[in-house]
Amino acid sequence: MPRHKDFDESNALTKAKHTFWERGYEGTSIQALEDALELKRTSIYNAFGNKRALFDKALEHYIGNELSQFLEAIDEAPTIRQVIQRAIEEAITLHFSPSHPGGCLIVLSLLEGYQHNDNTRSTLDDALSSLQTGLVRRFKKSVSEGELPPHTDFQTKADEVVALIVGVIVMAKANISKKRLQKLAIHTASLHTG
């Protein structure tokens, strides 16, 4: 007869996500996961599979939560200037939130891509692509609102914003102050209207 799980799988997945987010894939040992999840190794394996499978599930959890909220904030911005400012501010908020380990799990995982298998790299690429697609969709909406000209190169504009987001995340990890990054967000957004 199968054993009943005596732990909250969603809560354990959140803890695993934060552990990988803070330490990276390679820097996260099974012992660190046992400590964070407050579970024995066998319970982790039985519930999630091996370390790679747990990382992939944690990454999907991140995409479904943090990335989805990020995309929603960008999509709801009423002007192009606010799209860019919100994108940078969301990255800043994500880094400095006391409930998060700092940085962005997707960006940090992309930077350590050599550690990941093809399936994980594909998930990371898809996550980055969904960010770019969300930005392109928002920029196209701005054409119909008369804020951007129809000949706008949406993909290049989206790539530029993604580069800004990644740059801000790296700067935050390099201990650049929140205040300085917020000033950068305002200044950069003021350069990117219409």
C-alpha atoms as a PDB file:
ATOM      1  CA  MET A   1       0.000   0.000   0.000  1.00  0.00           C
ATOM      2  CA  PRO A   2       1.463   3.427  -0.946  1.00  0.00           C
ATOM      3  CA  ARG A   3       2.429   5.726   1.880  1.00  0.00           C
ATOM      4  CA  HIS A   4       0.514   8.955   2.393  1.00  0.00           C
ATOM      5  CA  LYS A   5       2.582  12.136   2.094  1.00  0.00           C
ATOM      6  CA  ASP A   6       2.703  13.846   5.443  1.00  0.00           C
ATOM      7  CA  PHE A   7       3.962  17.179   4.116  1.00  0.00           C
ATOM      8  CA  ASP A   8       2.671  20.010   1.956  1.00  0.00           C
ATOM      9  CA  GLU A   9       4.160  19.376  -1.486  1.00  0.00           C
ATOM     10  CA  SER A  10       3.529  22.949  -2.674  1.00  0.00           C
ATOM     11  CA  ASN A  11       5.269  24.398   0.394  1.00  0.00           C
ATOM     12  CA  ALA A  12       8.196  22.021  -0.099  1.00  0.00           C
ATOM     13  CA  LEU A  13       8.438  23.052  -3.749  1.00  0.00           C
ATOM     14  CA  THR A  14       8.526  26.736  -2.745  1.00  0.00           C
ATOM     15  CA  LYS A  15      11.338  25.997  -0.295  1.00  0.00           C
ATOM     16  CA  ALA A  16      13.246  24.075  -2.961  1.00  0.00           C
ATOM     17  CA  LYS A  17      12.758  26.936  -5.413  1.00  0.00           C
ATOM     18  CA  HIS A  18      14.203  29.419  -2.932  1.00  0.00           C
ATOM     19  CA  THR A  19      17.136  27.124  -2.177  1.00  0.00           C
ATOM     20  CA  PHE A  20      18.050  26.735  -5.853  1.00  0.00           C
ATOM     21  CA  TRP A  21      17.430  30.452  -6.391  1.00  0.00           C
ATOM     22  CA  GLU A  22      19.836  31.374  -3.592  1.00  0.00           C
ATOM     23  CA  ARG A  23      22.556  28.786  -4.213  1.00  0.00           C
ATOM     24  CA  GLY A  24      22.236  27.871  -7.892  1.00  0.00           C
ATOM     25  CA  TYR A  25      21.831  24.350  -9.189  1.00  0.00           C
ATOM     26  CA  GLU A  26      25.387  23.160  -8.647  1.00  0.00           C
ATOM     27  CA  GLY A  27      25.692  24.903  -5.275  1.00  0.00           C
ATOM     28  CA  THR A  28      22.596  23.155  -3.939  1.00  0.00           C
ATOM     29  CA  SER A  29      23.402  19.805  -2.390  1.00  0.00           C
ATOM     30  CA  ILE A  30      20.868  17.147  -1.504  1.00  0.00           C
ATOM     31  CA  GLN A  31      21.743  17.876   2.132  1.00  0.00           C
ATOM     32  CA  ALA A  32      20.861  21.555   1.620  1.00  0.00           C
ATOM     33  CA  LEU A  33      17.526  20.481   0.125  1.00  0.00           C
ATOM     34  CA  GLU A  34      16.895  18.116   3.052  1.00  0.00           C
ATOM     35  CA  ASP A  35      17.563  20.982   5.466  1.00  0.00           C
ATOM     36  CA  ALA A  36      15.448  23.517   3.572  1.00  0.00           C
ATOM     37  CA  LEU A  37      12.509  21.197   2.938  1.00  0.00           C
ATOM     38  CA  GLU A  38      12.794  19.569   6.375  1.00  0.00           C
ATOM     39  CA  LEU A  39      12.438  16.209   4.661  1.00  0.00           C
ATOM     40  CA  LYS A  40      14.538  13.088   4.459  1.00  0.00           C
ATOM     41  CA  ARG A  41      16.291  12.334   1.203  1.00  0.00           C
ATOM     42  CA  THR A  42      13.995   9.389   0.470  1.00  0.00           C
ATOM     43  CA  SER A  43      10.904  11.596   0.884  1.00  0.00           C
ATOM     44  CA  ILE A  44      12.377  14.120  -1.558  1.00  0.00           C
ATOM     45  CA  TYR A  45      13.160  11.409  -4.094  1.00  0.00           C
ATOM     46  CA  ASN A  46       9.747   9.788  -3.685  1.00  0.00           C
ATOM     47  CA  ALA A  47       7.870  13.075  -4.061  1.00  0.00           C
ATOM     48  CA  PHE A  48       9.941  14.857  -6.715  1.00  0.00           C
ATOM     49  CA  GLY A  49      12.472  12.451  -8.207  1.00  0.00           C
ATOM     50  CA  ASN A  50      16.155  13.298  -8.324  1.00  0.00           C
ATOM     51  CA  LYS A  51      17.773  16.715  -7.841  1.00  0.00           C
ATOM     52  CA  ARG A  52      17.406  17.581 -11.538  1.00  0.00           C
ATOM     53  CA  ALA A  53      13.691  16.729 -11.531  1.00  0.00           C
ATOM     54  CA  LEU A  54      13.183  18.797  -8.381  1.00  0.00           C
ATOM     55  CA  PHE A  55      15.036  21.738  -9.947  1.00  0.00           C
ATOM     56  CA  ASP A  56      12.884  21.512 -13.076  1.00  0.00           C
ATOM     57  CA  LYS A  57       9.711  21.490 -10.957  1.00  0.00           C
ATOM     58  CA  ALA A  58      11.005  24.441  -8.912  1.00  0.00           C
ATOM     59  CA  LEU A  59      11.781  26.307 -12.140  1.00  0.00           C
ATOM     60  CA  GLU A  60       8.263  25.652 -13.461  1.00  0.00           C
ATOM     61  CA  HIS A  61       6.909  26.924 -10.131  1.00  0.00           C
ATOM     62  CA  TYR A  62       8.958  30.107 -10.542  1.00  0.00           C
ATOM     63  CA  ILE A  63       7.737  30.586 -14.117  1.00  0.00           C
ATOM     64  CA  GLY A  64       4.124  30.088 -13.040  1.00  0.00           C
ATOM     65  CA  ASN A  65       4.410  32.554 -10.178  1.00  0.00           C
ATOM     66  CA  GLU A  66       7.176  35.155 -10.301  1.00  0.00           C
ATOM     67  CA  LEU A  67       7.488  35.354 -14.101  1.00  0.00           C
ATOM     68  CA  SER A  68       3.714  35.425 -14.577  1.00  0.00           C
ATOM     69  CA  GLN A  69       3.383  38.304 -12.100  1.00  0.00           C
ATOM     70  CA  PHE A  70       6.245  40.105 -13.839  1.00  0.00           C
ATOM     71  CA  LEU A  71       4.530  39.778 -17.235  1.00  0.00           C
ATOM     72  CA  GLU A  72       1.226  40.925 -15.796  1.00  0.00           C
ATOM     73  CA  ALA A  73       2.818  44.074 -14.344  1.00  0.00           C
ATOM     74  CA  ILE A  74       4.380  44.908 -17.708  1.00  0.00           C
ATOM     75  CA  ASP A  75       1.198  44.228 -19.641  1.00  0.00           C
ATOM     76  CA  GLU A  76      -0.839  46.490 -17.362  1.00  0.00           C
ATOM     77  CA  ALA A  77       1.515  49.471 -17.711  1.00  0.00           C
ATOM     78  CA  PRO A  78      -0.439  52.263 -19.439  1.00  0.00           C
ATOM     79  CA  THR A  79       2.466  53.820 -21.404  1.00  0.00           C
ATOM     80  CA  ILE A  80       5.710  52.688 -23.034  1.00  0.00           C
ATOM     81  CA  ARG A  81       7.678  54.705 -20.533  1.00  0.00           C
ATOM     82  CA  GLN A  82       5.891  52.895 -17.707  1.00  0.00           C
ATOM     83  CA  VAL A  83       6.387  49.496 -19.399  1.00  0.00           C
ATOM     84  CA  ILE A  84      10.140  50.014 -19.303  1.00  0.00           C
ATOM     85  CA  GLN A  85      10.159  51.563 -15.849  1.00  0.00           C
ATOM     86  CA  ARG A  86       7.968  48.771 -14.441  1.00  0.00           C
ATOM     87  CA  ALA A  87      10.111  46.090 -16.056  1.00  0.00           C
ATOM     88  CA  ILE A  88      13.209  47.456 -14.344  1.00  0.00           C
ATOM     89  CA  GLU A  89      11.384  48.156 -11.079  1.00  0.00           C
ATOM     90  CA  GLU A  90       9.937  44.627 -11.021  1.00  0.00           C
ATOM     91  CA  ALA A  91      13.482  43.243 -11.349  1.00  0.00           C
ATOM     92  CA  ILE A  92      14.602  45.526  -8.515  1.00  0.00           C
ATOM     93  CA  THR A  93      11.653  44.516  -6.332  1.00  0.00           C
ATOM     94  CA  LEU A  94      12.283  40.847  -7.017  1.00  0.00           C
ATOM     95  CA  HIS A  95      15.911  41.224  -5.946  1.00  0.00           C
ATOM     96  CA  PHE A  96      15.367  43.299  -2.817  1.00  0.00           C
ATOM     97  CA  SER A  97      12.205  41.592  -1.544  1.00  0.00           C
ATOM     98  CA  PRO A  98      12.876  40.048   1.869  1.00  0.00           C
ATOM     99  CA  SER A  99      10.770  37.056   0.810  1.00  0.00           C
ATOM    100  CA  HIS A 100      13.102  36.231  -2.112  1.00  0.00           C
ATOM    101  CA  PRO A 101      16.762  35.194  -2.238  1.00  0.00           C
ATOM    102  CA  GLY A 102      17.666  37.958  -4.697  1.00  0.00           C
ATOM    103  CA  GLY A 103      18.212  38.139  -8.408  1.00  0.00           C
ATOM    104  CA  CYS A 104      16.060  36.125 -10.780  1.00  0.00           C
ATOM    105  CA  LEU A 105      16.062  32.332 -10.889  1.00  0.00           C
ATOM    106  CA  ILE A 106      15.793  32.336 -14.690  1.00  0.00           C
ATOM    107  CA  VAL A 107      18.635  34.800 -15.278  1.00  0.00           C
ATOM    108  CA  LEU A 108      20.877  33.193 -12.678  1.00  0.00           C
ATOM    109  CA  SER A 109      20.186  29.748 -14.162  1.00  0.00           C
ATOM    110  CA  LEU A 110      20.882  30.979 -17.684  1.00  0.00           C
ATOM    111  CA  LEU A 111      24.231  32.278 -16.455  1.00  0.00           C
ATOM    112  CA  GLU A 112      25.095  28.808 -15.192  1.00  0.00           C
ATOM    113  CA  GLY A 113      23.722  27.088 -18.297  1.00  0.00           C
ATOM    114  CA  TYR A 114      26.638  24.645 -18.532  1.00  0.00           C
ATOM    115  CA  GLN A 115      25.174  22.887 -15.478  1.00  0.00           C
ATOM    116  CA  HIS A 116      21.861  22.129 -17.121  1.00  0.00           C
ATOM    117  CA  ASN A 117      20.666  19.412 -19.428  1.00  0.00           C
ATOM    118  CA  ASP A 118      18.858  20.032 -22.715  1.00  0.00           C
ATOM    119  CA  ASN A 119      15.407  19.867 -21.121  1.00  0.00           C
ATOM    120  CA  THR A 120      16.238  22.495 -18.485  1.00  0.00           C
ATOM    121  CA  ARG A 121      17.964  24.741 -21.024  1.00  0.00           C
ATOM    122  CA  SER A 122      14.865  24.496 -23.212  1.00  0.00           C
ATOM    123  CA  THR A 123      12.658  25.523 -20.267  1.00  0.00           C
ATOM    124  CA  LEU A 124      14.951  28.471 -19.531  1.00  0.00           C
ATOM    125  CA  ASP A 125      14.970  29.516 -23.202  1.00  0.00           C
ATOM    126  CA  ASP A 126      11.162  29.281 -23.292  1.00  0.00           C
ATOM    127  CA  ALA A 127      10.888  31.449 -20.174  1.00  0.00           C
ATOM    128  CA  LEU A 128      13.112  34.116 -21.713  1.00  0.00           C
ATOM    129  CA  SER A 129      11.145  33.868 -24.940  1.00  0.00           C
ATOM    130  CA  SER A 130       7.847  34.348 -23.077  1.00  0.00           C
ATOM    131  CA  LEU A 131       9.245  37.554 -21.558  1.00  0.00           C
ATOM    132  CA  GLN A 132      10.264  38.781 -25.013  1.00  0.00           C
ATOM    133  CA  THR A 133       6.891  37.768 -26.489  1.00  0.00           C
ATOM    134  CA  GLY A 134       5.052  39.579 -23.696  1.00  0.00           C
ATOM    135  CA  LEU A 135       7.027  42.732 -24.384  1.00  0.00           C
ATOM    136  CA  VAL A 136       6.481  42.501 -28.153  1.00  0.00           C
ATOM    137  CA  ARG A 137       2.737  42.052 -27.564  1.00  0.00           C
ATOM    138  CA  ARG A 138       2.695  45.110 -25.292  1.00  0.00           C
ATOM    139  CA  PHE A 139       4.645  47.209 -27.791  1.00  0.00           C
ATOM    140  CA  LYS A 140       2.290  46.214 -30.623  1.00  0.00           C
ATOM    141  CA  LYS A 141      -0.614  47.339 -28.461  1.00  0.00           C
ATOM    142  CA  SER A 142       1.092  50.738 -28.218  1.00  0.00           C
ATOM    143  CA  VAL A 143       0.920  51.131 -32.002  1.00  0.00           C
ATOM    144  CA  SER A 144      -2.868  50.800 -31.926  1.00  0.00           C
ATOM    145  CA  GLU A 145      -2.933  53.341 -29.101  1.00  0.00           C
ATOM    146  CA  GLY A 146      -0.860  55.763 -31.173  1.00  0.00           C
ATOM    147  CA  GLU A 147       2.104  55.756 -28.827  1.00  0.00           C
ATOM    148  CA  LEU A 148       4.551  53.952 -31.136  1.00  0.00           C
ATOM    149  CA  PRO A 149       4.868  54.273 -34.918  1.00  0.00           C
ATOM    150  CA  PRO A 150       3.775  51.223 -36.987  1.00  0.00           C
ATOM    151  CA  HIS A 151       7.323  50.688 -38.328  1.00  0.00           C
ATOM    152  CA  THR A 152       8.702  50.067 -34.799  1.00  0.00           C
ATOM    153  CA  ASP A 153      11.055  47.088 -34.601  1.00  0.00           C
ATOM    154  CA  PHE A 154       9.199  45.347 -31.771  1.00  0.00           C
ATOM    155  CA  GLN A 155      11.658  42.490 -31.339  1.00  0.00           C
ATOM    156  CA  THR A 156      14.671  44.784 -31.026  1.00  0.00           C
ATOM    157  CA  LYS A 157      12.800  46.985 -28.559  1.00  0.00           C
ATOM    158  CA  ALA A 158      11.845  43.882 -26.525  1.00  0.00           C
ATOM    159  CA  ASP A 159      15.452  42.612 -26.642  1.00  0.00           C
ATOM    160  CA  GLU A 160      16.633  45.986 -25.385  1.00  0.00           C
ATOM    161  CA  VAL A 161      14.279  45.833 -22.398  1.00  0.00           C
ATOM    162  CA  VAL A 162      15.312  42.237 -21.635  1.00  0.00           C
ATOM    163  CA  ALA A 163      18.968  43.359 -21.721  1.00  0.00           C
ATOM    164  CA  LEU A 164      18.096  46.147 -19.277  1.00  0.00           C
ATOM    165  CA  ILE A 165      16.343  43.691 -16.951  1.00  0.00           C
ATOM    166  CA  VAL A 166      19.275  41.265 -17.021  1.00  0.00           C
ATOM    167  CA  GLY A 167      21.722  44.129 -16.469  1.00  0.00           C
ATOM    168  CA  VAL A 168      19.783  45.398 -13.457  1.00  0.00           C
ATOM    169  CA  ILE A 169      19.655  41.892 -11.969  1.00  0.00           C
ATOM    170  CA  VAL A 170      23.419  41.504 -12.373  1.00  0.00           C
ATOM    171  CA  MET A 171      24.000  44.988 -10.901  1.00  0.00           C
ATOM    172  CA  ALA A 172      21.772  44.157  -7.926  1.00  0.00           C
ATOM    173  CA  LYS A 173      23.693  40.913  -7.346  1.00  0.00           C
ATOM    174  CA  ALA A 174      26.866  43.046  -7.450  1.00  0.00           C
ATOM    175  CA  ASN A 175      25.499  45.012  -4.475  1.00  0.00           C
ATOM    176  CA  ILE A 176      24.497  48.180  -6.316  1.00  0.00           C
ATOM    177  CA  SER A 177      22.032  49.930  -4.000  1.00  0.00           C
ATOM    178  CA  LYS A 178      18.283  49.769  -4.496  1.00  0.00           C
ATOM    179  CA  LYS A 179      18.101  53.572  -4.564  1.00  0.00           C
ATOM    180  CA  ARG A 180      20.692  53.784  -7.324  1.00  0.00           C
ATOM    181  CA  LEU A 181      18.896  51.118  -9.385  1.00  0.00           C
ATOM    182  CA  GLN A 182      15.551  52.884  -8.940  1.00  0.00           C
ATOM    183  CA  LYS A 183      17.119  56.091 -10.201  1.00  0.00           C
ATOM    184  CA  LEU A 184      18.420  54.139 -13.195  1.00  0.00           C
ATOM    185  CA  ALA A 185      14.901  52.799 -13.871  1.00  0.00           C
ATOM    186  CA  ILE A 186      13.426  56.295 -13.969  1.00  0.00           C
ATOM    187  CA  HIS A 187      16.227  57.690 -16.105  1.00  0.00           C
ATOM    188  CA  THR A 188      16.219  54.777 -18.566  1.00  0.00           C
ATOM    189  CA  ALA A 189      12.429  54.895 -18.959  1.00  0.00           C
ATOM    190  CA  SER A 190      12.597  58.611 -19.730  1.00  0.00           C
ATOM    191  CA  LEU A 191      14.879  57.811 -22.693  1.00  0.00           C
ATOM    192  CA  HIS A 192      12.475  55.260 -24.168  1.00  0.00           C
ATOM    193  CA  THR A 193       9.304  56.995 -25.152  1.00  0.00           C
ATOM    194  CA  GLY A 194       7.698  56.585 -28.550  1.00  0.00           C
END
